[in-house]
Protein backbone atom coordinates (compact mmCIF):
# COMPACT_ATOMS: atom_id res chain seq x y z
CA MET A 1 -18.55 -0.47 -108.86
CA THR A 2 -20.70 -2.41 -106.40
CA ASN A 3 -24.41 -2.90 -107.12
CA PRO A 4 -26.43 -2.94 -103.94
CA SER A 5 -28.74 -5.91 -105.44
CA SER A 6 -25.46 -8.00 -105.97
CA CYS A 7 -24.46 -7.55 -102.18
CA PRO A 8 -24.47 -10.63 -99.90
CA PRO A 9 -27.31 -10.48 -97.26
CA TRP A 10 -25.17 -9.58 -94.51
CA CYS A 11 -23.56 -6.72 -96.11
CA THR A 12 -24.25 -3.54 -94.13
CA GLY A 13 -22.16 -1.20 -96.77
CA GLY A 14 -23.87 1.90 -97.86
CA HIS A 15 -22.06 1.61 -101.07
CA ASP A 16 -21.37 4.97 -102.85
CA SER A 17 -21.14 5.09 -106.44
CA ASN A 18 -18.96 8.18 -106.33
CA ILE A 19 -16.31 6.48 -104.30
CA PRO A 20 -14.33 4.13 -106.71
CA GLU A 21 -12.61 2.49 -103.89
CA ASP A 22 -16.04 1.50 -102.56
CA VAL A 23 -15.50 -2.19 -103.41
CA PHE A 24 -15.69 -4.19 -100.19
CA HIS A 25 -18.76 -5.67 -98.60
CA ARG A 26 -18.76 -5.21 -94.67
CA SER A 27 -20.88 -7.04 -92.13
CA ALA A 28 -22.18 -5.72 -89.19
CA SER A 29 -19.39 -5.64 -86.25
CA VAL A 30 -19.53 -7.64 -83.10
CA SER A 31 -17.97 -6.21 -79.94
CA LEU A 32 -16.58 -7.17 -76.70
CA ARG A 33 -15.88 -4.52 -74.10
CA PRO A 34 -15.86 -3.93 -70.33
CA PRO A 35 -18.92 -3.46 -68.68
CA SER A 36 -20.14 0.50 -68.54
CA GLY A 37 -18.73 1.90 -65.27
CA SER A 38 -16.02 -0.60 -64.65
CA LEU A 39 -13.47 1.88 -65.92
CA PRO A 40 -13.17 4.75 -63.23
CA ASP A 41 -11.21 7.11 -65.69
CA ARG A 42 -13.70 6.68 -68.61
CA PRO A 43 -17.46 6.83 -68.05
CA SER A 44 -18.41 5.16 -71.28
CA PRO A 45 -15.33 2.85 -72.64
CA SER A 46 -14.90 2.29 -76.23
CA PRO A 47 -15.12 -1.21 -77.53
CA ARG A 48 -11.92 -3.24 -76.73
CA LEU A 49 -12.16 -6.02 -79.41
CA SER A 50 -14.49 -5.73 -82.41
CA ALA A 51 -14.63 -8.03 -85.44
CA TYR A 52 -16.52 -8.02 -88.90
CA LEU A 53 -16.56 -9.72 -92.02
CA MET A 54 -14.78 -8.07 -95.24
CA LEU A 55 -15.32 -9.47 -98.59
CA PRO A 56 -13.80 -7.72 -101.79
CA GLU A 57 -16.55 -7.22 -104.43
CA VAL A 58 -13.97 -8.95 -106.77
CA PRO A 59 -12.11 -11.73 -104.85
CA GLU A 60 -8.59 -12.03 -105.70
CA ASP A 61 -5.79 -14.11 -104.17
CA ASP A 62 -3.76 -11.17 -102.65
CA ASP A 63 -7.13 -9.46 -101.15
CA PRO A 64 -9.08 -12.57 -99.78
CA ALA A 65 -12.16 -12.38 -97.55
CA CYS A 66 -11.27 -12.27 -94.05
CA ILE A 67 -12.55 -11.57 -90.53
CA ILE A 68 -10.98 -8.14 -89.54
CA LEU A 69 -10.33 -8.37 -85.58
CA ASP A 70 -9.31 -4.95 -84.07
CA HIS A 71 -9.02 -3.56 -80.40
CA GLY A 72 -11.22 -0.52 -80.79
CA ASP A 73 -8.34 1.91 -81.76
CA VAL A 74 -9.07 3.09 -85.46
CA TYR A 75 -5.60 3.81 -86.14
CA GLY A 76 -4.26 0.90 -84.15
CA PRO A 77 -3.03 -2.56 -85.32
CA TYR A 78 -5.65 -5.21 -86.56
CA ALA A 79 -5.64 -8.77 -87.56
CA GLN A 80 -7.06 -10.54 -90.79
CA LEU A 81 -8.49 -14.06 -89.81
CA ASP A 82 -9.23 -16.44 -92.53
CA VAL A 83 -11.04 -19.39 -91.20
CA GLU A 84 -8.12 -21.36 -89.63
CA TYR A 85 -7.16 -18.24 -87.85
CA ALA A 86 -10.96 -17.58 -86.88
CA ASP A 87 -11.29 -21.17 -85.42
CA GLN A 88 -8.04 -20.75 -83.25
CA MET A 89 -9.54 -17.41 -82.23
CA ILE A 90 -12.79 -18.94 -81.02
CA ARG A 91 -10.62 -21.67 -79.24
CA ASP A 92 -8.59 -19.00 -77.49
CA LEU A 93 -11.72 -17.02 -76.51
CA LYS A 94 -13.34 -19.99 -75.08
CA THR A 95 -10.04 -20.47 -72.75
CA PHE A 96 -10.21 -17.09 -71.88
CA THR A 97 -13.97 -17.42 -70.82
CA ALA A 98 -13.10 -20.37 -68.79
CA ARG A 99 -10.16 -18.78 -67.17
CA MET A 100 -12.18 -15.56 -66.69
CA GLN A 101 -14.73 -17.64 -64.65
CA GLN A 102 -12.07 -18.94 -62.53
CA LEU A 103 -10.95 -15.38 -61.57
CA ARG A 104 -14.29 -14.26 -60.89
CA ASP A 105 -14.92 -17.29 -58.63
CA GLN A 106 -11.38 -16.65 -56.83
CA LEU A 107 -12.38 -12.97 -56.53
CA ALA A 108 -15.72 -14.05 -54.90
CA ALA A 109 -14.47 -16.37 -52.52
CA ALA A 110 -11.53 -13.67 -51.60
CA LYS A 111 -14.05 -11.09 -50.94
CA LYS A 112 -16.10 -13.27 -48.45
CA GLN A 113 -12.74 -14.11 -46.45
CA PRO A 114 -11.86 -11.66 -43.50
CA ALA A 115 -8.56 -9.61 -44.01
């Protein structure tokens, strides 16, 4: 069972001694979502992409520490990222951000042009 004093400093888990399966340390989540109000059919959009670090209390080869990446659907698919996959995800996010900036600039230019 997890001893709260043995948790890594980033662990935000409220470990419950009555739950034998509570053997993971979990970090705070980071999330990315559309700006509030940008989805007309939903006044408060749920997170679209979130990530957190998951570490088993007793590391095992078949259950390694990883970053869990999901798209905000509790029951939906998710990815488990090791350091290599996390590095690839960061590179992809930087590319996405640069392309998003280009799209934003094109939108701003298009709005200035008469129809």
